[in-house]
Amino acid sequence: MVAAQADPARFEALYRKYLAQVYSYAVYELGDHHDAEDATERTFLSALTNLARFEERARSDDGEGASTFRVWLFQIARNAVSDQRRGRRRRPEAPLEAAGDAIDPVDIERLVVGRDESAAAWRAVRRLSGDRRRAVVLRFVDEMSTAEIAGILGRSEGAVRVLIHRALRTVAADLRARDR
């Protein structure tokens, strides 16, 4: 991190380390690969532009090699995702591929695949309110700690644990209702 601040050309190592995580977060938040690519690009451009302003806040008891850079980067990603959503609401558009997504009633295989339990679970996660959904995605997709999620969402660790607990209960209830 310090090396990248001294020489922005060394930012590439940080980019490689966090690219997949930021992109994954953006995909789960936005639900569209193209929008996620745009948000990921904006995240890293903003991080590179503002790298000199980053201030390491890891404590000595956080362990060797601990850094708050990931939290800072995901705060930028969260803002980029929000900007992308605002832009989407201002300029709604339907992708051309959507025309091919209409299910043919004769296509039984597609109907069965559409009922896959995994897809149902992610649909339930997408229906969660903003911070509940973000907390679940950051915890189970990006495998972040409660402390990291708290830093990204600007909440306490206890509040994050409650968010995740309530989110999982909501998803379970949603799936039970679907199975009835």
Protein backbone atom coordinates (compact mmCIF):
# COMPACT_ATOMS: atom_id res chain seq x y z
CA MET A 1 0.00 0.00 0.00
CA VAL A 2 2.70 2.48 1.00
CA ALA A 3 4.68 1.53 -2.11
CA ALA A 4 1.66 2.29 -4.30
CA GLN A 5 1.23 5.70 -2.65
CA ALA A 6 4.86 6.54 -3.30
CA ASP A 7 4.73 5.25 -6.88
CA PRO A 8 1.27 4.96 -8.48
CA ALA A 9 2.72 2.56 -11.06
CA ARG A 10 2.83 -0.02 -8.24
CA PHE A 11 -0.95 0.27 -7.89
CA GLU A 12 -1.20 -2.65 -10.31
CA ALA A 13 -0.55 -5.16 -7.51
CA LEU A 14 -3.48 -3.79 -5.52
CA TYR A 15 -5.62 -3.78 -8.65
CA ARG A 16 -4.85 -7.44 -9.32
CA LYS A 17 -5.47 -8.39 -5.69
CA TYR A 18 -8.91 -6.76 -5.39
CA LEU A 19 -10.30 -6.70 -8.95
CA ALA A 20 -12.30 -9.93 -8.71
CA GLN A 21 -13.73 -9.02 -5.30
CA VAL A 22 -14.87 -5.55 -6.36
CA TYR A 23 -16.30 -6.87 -9.62
CA SER A 24 -18.15 -9.66 -7.81
CA TYR A 25 -19.63 -7.16 -5.36
CA ALA A 26 -20.76 -4.93 -8.23
CA VAL A 27 -22.35 -7.84 -10.12
CA TYR A 28 -24.35 -8.93 -7.09
CA GLU A 29 -25.41 -5.36 -6.37
CA LEU A 30 -26.27 -4.35 -9.93
CA GLY A 31 -27.31 -7.68 -11.44
CA ASP A 32 -25.71 -6.83 -14.77
CA HIS A 33 -22.18 -7.68 -15.92
CA HIS A 34 -21.80 -4.60 -18.11
CA ASP A 35 -22.90 -2.22 -15.36
CA ALA A 36 -20.63 -4.09 -12.93
CA GLU A 37 -17.68 -3.64 -15.27
CA ASP A 38 -18.39 0.10 -15.46
CA ALA A 39 -18.71 0.41 -11.67
CA THR A 40 -15.52 -1.60 -11.14
CA GLU A 41 -13.62 0.59 -13.57
CA ARG A 42 -14.86 3.75 -11.84
CA THR A 43 -13.93 2.27 -8.45
CA PHE A 44 -10.31 1.66 -9.39
CA LEU A 45 -9.96 4.94 -11.26
CA SER A 46 -11.24 6.79 -8.21
CA ALA A 47 -8.99 4.78 -5.89
CA LEU A 48 -5.94 5.53 -8.05
CA THR A 49 -6.84 9.21 -8.28
CA ASN A 50 -7.34 9.50 -4.52
CA LEU A 51 -4.60 7.10 -3.41
CA ALA A 52 -2.51 9.89 -1.91
CA ARG A 53 -5.42 10.74 0.41
CA PHE A 54 -5.73 7.18 1.74
CA GLU A 55 -4.70 6.89 5.36
CA GLU A 56 -3.87 3.49 6.87
CA ARG A 57 -5.87 2.91 10.04
CA ALA A 58 -5.09 -0.71 10.86
CA ARG A 59 -4.23 -1.23 14.51
CA SER A 60 -1.26 -3.20 15.75
CA ASP A 61 -3.57 -5.83 17.30
CA ASP A 62 -5.21 -6.42 13.89
CA GLY A 63 -2.25 -8.62 13.00
CA GLU A 64 0.71 -8.39 10.71
CA GLY A 65 -0.16 -7.23 7.21
CA ALA A 66 -3.60 -5.93 8.24
CA SER A 67 -4.82 -2.99 6.21
CA THR A 68 -7.92 -0.87 5.96
CA PHE A 69 -7.32 -0.41 2.23
CA ARG A 70 -9.92 -3.06 1.33
CA VAL A 71 -12.55 -1.30 3.41
CA TRP A 72 -11.66 2.05 1.80
CA LEU A 73 -11.79 0.48 -1.66
CA PHE A 74 -15.19 -1.11 -1.01
CA GLN A 75 -16.55 2.22 0.25
CA ILE A 76 -15.55 3.64 -3.12
CA ALA A 77 -17.18 0.64 -4.84
CA ARG A 78 -20.37 1.15 -2.85
CA ASN A 79 -20.49 4.77 -4.07
CA ALA A 80 -19.78 3.71 -7.66
CA VAL A 81 -22.63 1.18 -7.50
CA SER A 82 -24.97 3.86 -6.13
CA ASP A 83 -23.97 6.21 -8.93
CA GLN A 84 -24.59 3.46 -11.48
CA ARG A 85 -28.08 2.84 -10.05
CA ARG A 86 -28.91 6.56 -10.14
CA GLY A 87 -27.81 6.71 -13.76
CA ARG A 88 -29.91 3.66 -14.57
CA ARG A 89 -33.02 5.30 -13.06
CA ARG A 90 -32.39 8.50 -15.01
CA ARG A 91 -31.78 6.72 -18.31
CA PRO A 92 -33.64 3.39 -18.23
CA GLU A 93 -32.90 1.02 -21.06
CA ALA A 94 -33.71 -2.55 -21.89
CA PRO A 95 -30.88 -4.68 -23.28
CA LEU A 96 -31.46 -6.30 -26.63
CA GLU A 97 -30.85 -9.71 -25.04
CA ALA A 98 -34.01 -9.25 -22.93
CA ALA A 99 -36.12 -10.04 -25.97
CA GLY A 100 -34.64 -13.55 -26.02
CA ASP A 101 -35.33 -14.12 -22.33
CA ALA A 102 -39.06 -14.62 -22.79
CA ILE A 103 -39.81 -18.21 -21.83
CA ASP A 104 -41.48 -20.29 -24.46
CA PRO A 105 -44.27 -22.30 -22.76
CA VAL A 106 -43.11 -25.36 -24.69
CA ASP A 107 -39.56 -25.03 -23.33
CA ILE A 108 -39.97 -27.20 -20.22
CA GLU A 109 -36.23 -27.46 -19.62
CA ARG A 110 -35.90 -23.69 -19.21
CA LEU A 111 -38.86 -23.67 -16.82
CA VAL A 112 -37.21 -26.35 -14.65
CA VAL A 113 -33.85 -24.55 -14.65
CA GLY A 114 -35.68 -21.35 -13.68
CA ARG A 115 -36.89 -23.08 -10.52
CA ASP A 116 -33.46 -24.08 -9.39
CA GLU A 117 -33.04 -23.64 -5.63
CA SER A 118 -29.88 -21.62 -5.98
CA ALA A 119 -31.52 -19.13 -8.30
CA ALA A 120 -34.45 -18.82 -5.91
CA ALA A 121 -32.12 -18.10 -3.02
CA TRP A 122 -30.33 -15.33 -4.91
CA ARG A 123 -33.65 -13.86 -6.00
CA ALA A 124 -34.61 -13.77 -2.33
CA VAL A 125 -31.31 -12.08 -1.50
CA ARG A 126 -31.90 -9.48 -4.24
CA ARG A 127 -35.28 -8.66 -2.68
CA LEU A 128 -33.64 -7.74 0.63
CA SER A 129 -33.39 -4.07 1.54
CA GLY A 130 -30.16 -2.28 0.61
CA ASP A 131 -27.88 -2.72 3.63
CA ARG A 132 -29.20 -6.20 4.42
CA ARG A 133 -28.45 -7.31 0.85
CA ARG A 134 -25.05 -5.63 0.86
CA ALA A 135 -24.12 -7.24 4.19
CA VAL A 136 -25.06 -10.72 2.95
CA VAL A 137 -23.15 -10.31 -0.32
CA LEU A 138 -20.07 -8.89 1.38
CA ARG A 139 -20.11 -11.67 4.01
CA PHE A 140 -20.89 -14.74 1.90
CA VAL A 141 -19.71 -13.79 -1.58
CA ASP A 142 -16.74 -11.58 -0.82
CA GLU A 143 -16.02 -13.42 2.47
CA MET A 144 -15.41 -10.25 4.45
CA SER A 145 -15.26 -10.07 8.20
CA THR A 146 -17.91 -8.32 10.25
CA ALA A 147 -15.40 -5.54 11.00
CA GLU A 148 -14.71 -4.97 7.30
CA ILE A 149 -18.42 -4.91 6.47
CA ALA A 150 -19.03 -2.48 9.33
CA GLY A 151 -16.37 -0.16 7.88
CA ILE A 152 -17.88 -0.32 4.40
CA LEU A 153 -21.47 0.23 5.52
CA GLY A 154 -20.59 2.77 8.19
CA ARG A 155 -22.22 0.76 10.98
CA SER A 156 -21.08 -0.97 14.15
CA GLU A 157 -20.07 -4.64 14.08
CA GLY A 158 -23.11 -5.48 16.24
CA ALA A 159 -25.41 -3.73 13.77
CA VAL A 160 -23.84 -5.72 10.92
CA ARG A 161 -24.37 -9.01 12.77
CA VAL A 162 -28.03 -8.06 13.29
CA LEU A 163 -28.37 -7.11 9.60
CA ILE A 164 -26.97 -10.46 8.48
CA HIS A 165 -29.08 -12.43 10.97
CA ARG A 166 -32.31 -10.68 9.93
CA ALA A 167 -31.42 -10.97 6.26
CA LEU A 168 -30.88 -14.73 6.53
CA ARG A 169 -34.17 -15.13 8.41
CA THR A 170 -35.97 -13.16 5.69
CA VAL A 171 -34.39 -15.26 2.93
CA ALA A 172 -35.32 -18.50 4.73
CA ALA A 173 -38.92 -17.33 5.18
CA ASP A 174 -39.05 -16.31 1.53
CA LEU A 175 -37.81 -19.75 0.42
CA ARG A 176 -40.25 -21.53 2.74
CA ALA A 177 -43.12 -19.49 1.30
CA ARG A 178 -41.95 -20.38 -2.20
CA ASP A 179 -41.97 -24.11 -1.40
CA ARG A 180 -45.59 -24.08 -0.21
